[in-house]
Amino acid sequence: MLVIPSVDILKGECVRLRRGREEEKRVYGDPLVWARKWEEEGANLLHVVDLDAALG
């Protein structure tokens, strides 16, 4: 099975939106830190979501 980690980026920070609502976000910090973490864990691919563009 191929597992591809995903990083959602909003205003330059990694976030997790609750029910897709920006006002109900949890901030996880620097996207590069998370990308490097997934690389260290052996991920060859990373799904990056630009929420600024997606939410318009």
PDB file of N, CA and C in Angstrom:
ATOM      1  N   MET A   1       0.834  -1.167   0.000  1.00  0.00           N
ATOM      2  CA  MET A   1       0.000   0.000   0.000  1.00  0.00           C
ATOM      3  C   MET A   1       0.887   1.241   0.000  1.00  0.00           C
ATOM      4  N   LEU A   2       0.524   2.219  -0.800  1.00  0.00           N
ATOM      5  CA  LEU A   2       1.243   3.488  -0.865  1.00  0.00           C
ATOM      6  C   LEU A   2       0.511   4.507   0.008  1.00  0.00           C
ATOM      7  N   VAL A   3       1.199   5.042   0.990  1.00  0.00           N
ATOM      8  CA  VAL A   3       0.633   6.073   1.862  1.00  0.00           C
ATOM      9  C   VAL A   3       1.310   7.392   1.526  1.00  0.00           C
ATOM     10  N   ILE A   4       0.508   8.408   1.212  1.00  0.00           N
ATOM     11  CA  ILE A   4       1.037   9.725   0.857  1.00  0.00           C
ATOM     12  C   ILE A   4       0.584  10.722   1.919  1.00  0.00           C
ATOM     13  N   PRO A   5       1.518  11.256   2.710  1.00  0.00           N
ATOM     14  CA  PRO A   5       1.140  12.254   3.709  1.00  0.00           C
ATOM     15  C   PRO A   5       0.705  13.552   3.035  1.00  0.00           C
ATOM     16  N   SER A   6      -0.109  14.306   3.735  1.00  0.00           N
ATOM     17  CA  SER A   6      -0.638  15.554   3.196  1.00  0.00           C
ATOM     18  C   SER A   6      -0.343  16.700   4.154  1.00  0.00           C
ATOM     19  N   VAL A   7      -0.011  17.851   3.576  1.00  0.00           N
ATOM     20  CA  VAL A   7       0.226  19.062   4.353  1.00  0.00           C
ATOM     21  C   VAL A   7      -0.690  20.148   3.796  1.00  0.00           C
ATOM     22  N   ASP A   8      -1.575  20.662   4.645  1.00  0.00           N
ATOM     23  CA  ASP A   8      -2.447  21.772   4.267  1.00  0.00           C
ATOM     24  C   ASP A   8      -1.784  23.066   4.716  1.00  0.00           C
ATOM     25  N   ILE A   9      -1.682  24.037   3.797  1.00  0.00           N
ATOM     26  CA  ILE A   9      -1.003  25.295   4.107  1.00  0.00           C
ATOM     27  C   ILE A   9      -1.982  26.452   3.961  1.00  0.00           C
ATOM     28  N   LEU A  10      -2.060  27.262   5.016  1.00  0.00           N
ATOM     29  CA  LEU A  10      -2.908  28.448   5.032  1.00  0.00           C
ATOM     30  C   LEU A  10      -2.089  29.588   5.618  1.00  0.00           C
ATOM     31  N   LYS A  11      -1.944  30.647   4.837  1.00  0.00           N
ATOM     32  CA  LYS A  11      -1.171  31.819   5.276  1.00  0.00           C
ATOM     33  C   LYS A  11       0.224  31.445   5.769  1.00  0.00           C
ATOM     34  N   GLY A  12       0.854  30.501   5.060  1.00  0.00           N
ATOM     35  CA  GLY A  12       2.228  30.124   5.346  1.00  0.00           C
ATOM     36  C   GLY A  12       2.430  29.155   6.490  1.00  0.00           C
ATOM     37  N   GLU A  13       1.342  28.637   7.067  1.00  0.00           N
ATOM     38  CA  GLU A  13       1.457  27.702   8.186  1.00  0.00           C
ATOM     39  C   GLU A  13       0.720  26.403   7.885  1.00  0.00           C
ATOM     40  N   CYS A  14       1.222  25.315   8.450  1.00  0.00           N
ATOM     41  CA  CYS A  14       0.506  24.039   8.373  1.00  0.00           C
ATOM     42  C   CYS A  14      -0.711  24.135   9.268  1.00  0.00           C
ATOM     43  N   VAL A  15      -1.850  23.731   8.734  1.00  0.00           N
ATOM     44  CA  VAL A  15      -3.079  23.791   9.510  1.00  0.00           C
ATOM     45  C   VAL A  15      -3.923  22.555   9.270  1.00  0.00           C
ATOM     46  N   ARG A  16      -4.862  22.371  10.157  1.00  0.00           N
ATOM     47  CA  ARG A  16      -5.910  21.363   9.986  1.00  0.00           C
ATOM     48  C   ARG A  16      -7.222  22.100  10.215  1.00  0.00           C
ATOM     49  N   LEU A  17      -8.082  22.112   9.208  1.00  0.00           N
ATOM     50  CA  LEU A  17      -9.364  22.786   9.347  1.00  0.00           C
ATOM     51  C   LEU A  17     -10.410  21.809   9.861  1.00  0.00           C
ATOM     52  N   ARG A  18     -11.243  22.274  10.738  1.00  0.00           N
ATOM     53  CA  ARG A  18     -12.360  21.457  11.221  1.00  0.00           C
ATOM     54  C   ARG A  18     -13.564  21.770  10.353  1.00  0.00           C
ATOM     55  N   ARG A  19     -14.066  20.743   9.694  1.00  0.00           N
ATOM     56  CA  ARG A  19     -15.212  20.877   8.791  1.00  0.00           C
ATOM     57  C   ARG A  19     -14.962  21.896   7.691  1.00  0.00           C
ATOM     58  N   GLY A  20     -13.700  22.065   7.304  1.00  0.00           N
ATOM     59  CA  GLY A  20     -13.345  22.976   6.226  1.00  0.00           C
ATOM     60  C   GLY A  20     -13.485  24.447   6.553  1.00  0.00           C
ATOM     61  N   ARG A  21     -13.595  24.770   7.820  1.00  0.00           N
ATOM     62  CA  ARG A  21     -13.816  26.158   8.231  1.00  0.00           C
ATOM     63  C   ARG A  21     -12.526  26.780   8.752  1.00  0.00           C
ATOM     64  N   GLU A  22     -12.132  27.886   8.112  1.00  0.00           N
ATOM     65  CA  GLU A  22     -10.881  28.555   8.491  1.00  0.00           C
ATOM     66  C   GLU A  22     -10.903  29.037   9.943  1.00  0.00           C
ATOM     67  N   GLU A  23     -12.052  29.458  10.417  1.00  0.00           N
ATOM     68  CA  GLU A  23     -12.134  29.956  11.796  1.00  0.00           C
ATOM     69  C   GLU A  23     -12.012  28.838  12.836  1.00  0.00           C
ATOM     70  N   GLU A  24     -12.096  27.588  12.384  1.00  0.00           N
ATOM     71  CA  GLU A  24     -11.926  26.444  13.288  1.00  0.00           C
ATOM     72  C   GLU A  24     -10.672  25.663  12.909  1.00  0.00           C
ATOM     73  N   LYS A  25      -9.544  26.374  12.862  1.00  0.00           N
ATOM     74  CA  LYS A  25      -8.299  25.733  12.437  1.00  0.00           C
ATOM     75  C   LYS A  25      -7.408  25.412  13.627  1.00  0.00           C
ATOM     76  N   ARG A  26      -6.586  24.422  13.421  1.00  0.00           N
ATOM     77  CA  ARG A  26      -5.529  24.090  14.380  1.00  0.00           C
ATOM     78  C   ARG A  26      -4.216  24.304  13.647  1.00  0.00           C
ATOM     79  N   VAL A  27      -3.319  25.088  14.220  1.00  0.00           N
ATOM     80  CA  VAL A  27      -2.060  25.454  13.574  1.00  0.00           C
ATOM     81  C   VAL A  27      -0.950  24.530  14.065  1.00  0.00           C
ATOM     82  N   TYR A  28      -0.179  24.003  13.097  1.00  0.00           N
ATOM     83  CA  TYR A  28       0.919  23.087  13.418  1.00  0.00           C
ATOM     84  C   TYR A  28       2.292  23.674  13.114  1.00  0.00           C
ATOM     85  N   GLY A  29       2.347  24.885  12.551  1.00  0.00           N
ATOM     86  CA  GLY A  29       3.635  25.530  12.349  1.00  0.00           C
ATOM     87  C   GLY A  29       4.168  25.499  10.932  1.00  0.00           C
ATOM     88  N   ASP A  30       5.474  25.476  10.831  1.00  0.00           N
ATOM     89  CA  ASP A  30       6.217  25.616   9.577  1.00  0.00           C
ATOM     90  C   ASP A  30       6.036  24.402   8.657  1.00  0.00           C
ATOM     91  N   PRO A  31       5.542  24.627   7.424  1.00  0.00           N
ATOM     92  CA  PRO A  31       5.365  23.521   6.484  1.00  0.00           C
ATOM     93  C   PRO A  31       6.665  22.793   6.144  1.00  0.00           C
ATOM     94  N   LEU A  32       7.791  23.512   6.101  1.00  0.00           N
ATOM     95  CA  LEU A  32       9.063  22.861   5.772  1.00  0.00           C
ATOM     96  C   LEU A  32       9.493  21.881   6.853  1.00  0.00           C
ATOM     97  N   VAL A  33       9.201  22.209   8.090  1.00  0.00           N
ATOM     98  CA  VAL A  33       9.509  21.287   9.188  1.00  0.00           C
ATOM     99  C   VAL A  33       8.736  19.988   8.995  1.00  0.00           C
ATOM    100  N   TRP A  34       7.466  20.103   8.637  1.00  0.00           N
ATOM    101  CA  TRP A  34       6.643  18.906   8.436  1.00  0.00           C
ATOM    102  C   TRP A  34       7.067  18.127   7.199  1.00  0.00           C
ATOM    103  N   ALA A  35       7.425  18.834   6.135  1.00  0.00           N
ATOM    104  CA  ALA A  35       7.891  18.145   4.923  1.00  0.00           C
ATOM    105  C   ALA A  35       9.158  17.346   5.224  1.00  0.00           C
ATOM    106  N   ARG A  36      10.067  17.945   5.960  1.00  0.00           N
ATOM    107  CA  ARG A  36      11.305  17.233   6.328  1.00  0.00           C
ATOM    108  C   ARG A  36      11.013  16.050   7.248  1.00  0.00           C
ATOM    109  N   LYS A  37      10.062  16.216   8.143  1.00  0.00           N
ATOM    110  CA  LYS A  37       9.673  15.125   9.039  1.00  0.00           C
ATOM    111  C   LYS A  37       9.169  13.936   8.229  1.00  0.00           C
ATOM    112  N   TRP A  38       8.303  14.191   7.263  1.00  0.00           N
ATOM    113  CA  TRP A  38       7.771  13.090   6.444  1.00  0.00           C
ATOM    114  C   TRP A  38       8.867  12.454   5.604  1.00  0.00           C
ATOM    115  N   GLU A  39       9.803  13.271   5.111  1.00  0.00           N
ATOM    116  CA  GLU A  39      10.931  12.722   4.351  1.00  0.00           C
ATOM    117  C   GLU A  39      11.772  11.801   5.239  1.00  0.00           C
ATOM    118  N   GLU A  40      12.046  12.244   6.465  1.00  0.00           N
ATOM    119  CA  GLU A  40      12.810  11.419   7.411  1.00  0.00           C
ATOM    120  C   GLU A  40      12.086  10.114   7.735  1.00  0.00           C
ATOM    121  N   GLU A  41      10.763  10.146   7.685  1.00  0.00           N
ATOM    122  CA  GLU A  41       9.958   8.951   7.957  1.00  0.00           C
ATOM    123  C   GLU A  41       9.880   8.021   6.745  1.00  0.00           C
ATOM    124  N   GLY A  42      10.485   8.450   5.616  1.00  0.00           N
ATOM    125  CA  GLY A  42      10.543   7.589   4.442  1.00  0.00           C
ATOM    126  C   GLY A  42       9.556   7.898   3.341  1.00  0.00           C
ATOM    127  N   ALA A  43       8.815   8.987   3.476  1.00  0.00           N
ATOM    128  CA  ALA A  43       7.854   9.347   2.432  1.00  0.00           C
ATOM    129  C   ALA A  43       8.592   9.837   1.185  1.00  0.00           C
ATOM    130  N   ASN A  44       8.201   9.301   0.037  1.00  0.00           N
ATOM    131  CA  ASN A  44       8.781   9.736  -1.232  1.00  0.00           C
ATOM    132  C   ASN A  44       7.926  10.793  -1.915  1.00  0.00           C
ATOM    133  N   LEU A  45       6.673  10.890  -1.495  1.00  0.00           N
ATOM    134  CA  LEU A  45       5.727  11.847  -2.062  1.00  0.00           C
ATOM    135  C   LEU A  45       5.080  12.630  -0.935  1.00  0.00           C
ATOM    136  N   LEU A  46       4.624  13.847  -1.248  1.00  0.00           N
ATOM    137  CA  LEU A  46       3.923  14.672  -0.278  1.00  0.00           C
ATOM    138  C   LEU A  46       2.814  15.418  -1.004  1.00  0.00           C
ATOM    139  N   HIS A  47       1.599  15.291  -0.518  1.00  0.00           N
ATOM    140  CA  HIS A  47       0.461  16.012  -1.086  1.00  0.00           C
ATOM    141  C   HIS A  47       0.375  17.362  -0.385  1.00  0.00           C
ATOM    142  N   VAL A  48       0.572  18.444  -1.130  1.00  0.00           N
ATOM    143  CA  VAL A  48       0.545  19.789  -0.571  1.00  0.00           C
ATOM    144  C   VAL A  48      -0.739  20.477  -1.023  1.00  0.00           C
ATOM    145  N   VAL A  49      -1.502  20.988  -0.057  1.00  0.00           N
ATOM    146  CA  VAL A  49      -2.759  21.664  -0.352  1.00  0.00           C
ATOM    147  C   VAL A  49      -2.605  23.146  -0.011  1.00  0.00           C
ATOM    148  N   ASP A  50      -2.765  24.003  -1.017  1.00  0.00           N
ATOM    149  CA  ASP A  50      -2.714  25.450  -0.835  1.00  0.00           C
ATOM    150  C   ASP A  50      -4.130  25.921  -0.512  1.00  0.00           C
ATOM    151  N   LEU A  51      -4.435  26.042   0.763  1.00  0.00           N
ATOM    152  CA  LEU A  51      -5.790  26.416   1.166  1.00  0.00           C
ATOM    153  C   LEU A  51      -6.121  27.863   0.830  1.00  0.00           C
ATOM    154  N   ASP A  52      -5.118  28.734   0.747  1.00  0.00           N
ATOM    155  CA  ASP A  52      -5.382  30.116   0.338  1.00  0.00           C
ATOM    156  C   ASP A  52      -5.996  30.132  -1.063  1.00  0.00           C
ATOM    157  N   ALA A  53      -5.440  29.335  -1.961  1.00  0.00           N
ATOM    158  CA  ALA A  53      -5.967  29.257  -3.326  1.00  0.00           C
ATOM    159  C   ALA A  53      -7.296  28.507  -3.360  1.00  0.00           C
ATOM    160  N   ALA A  54      -7.387  27.427  -2.601  1.00  0.00           N
ATOM    161  CA  ALA A  54      -8.597  26.600  -2.622  1.00  0.00           C
ATOM    162  C   ALA A  54      -9.808  27.326  -2.035  1.00  0.00           C
ATOM    163  N   LEU A  55      -9.586  28.138  -1.017  1.00  0.00           N
ATOM    164  CA  LEU A  55     -10.693  28.832  -0.362  1.00  0.00           C
ATOM    165  C   LEU A  55     -10.984  30.194  -0.979  1.00  0.00           C
ATOM    166  N   GLY A  56     -10.083  30.616  -1.888  1.00  0.00           N
ATOM    167  CA  GLY A  56     -10.288  31.846  -2.633  1.00  0.00           C
ATOM    168  C   GLY A  56     -10.178  33.061  -1.809  1.00  0.00           C
TER     169      GLY A  56
END
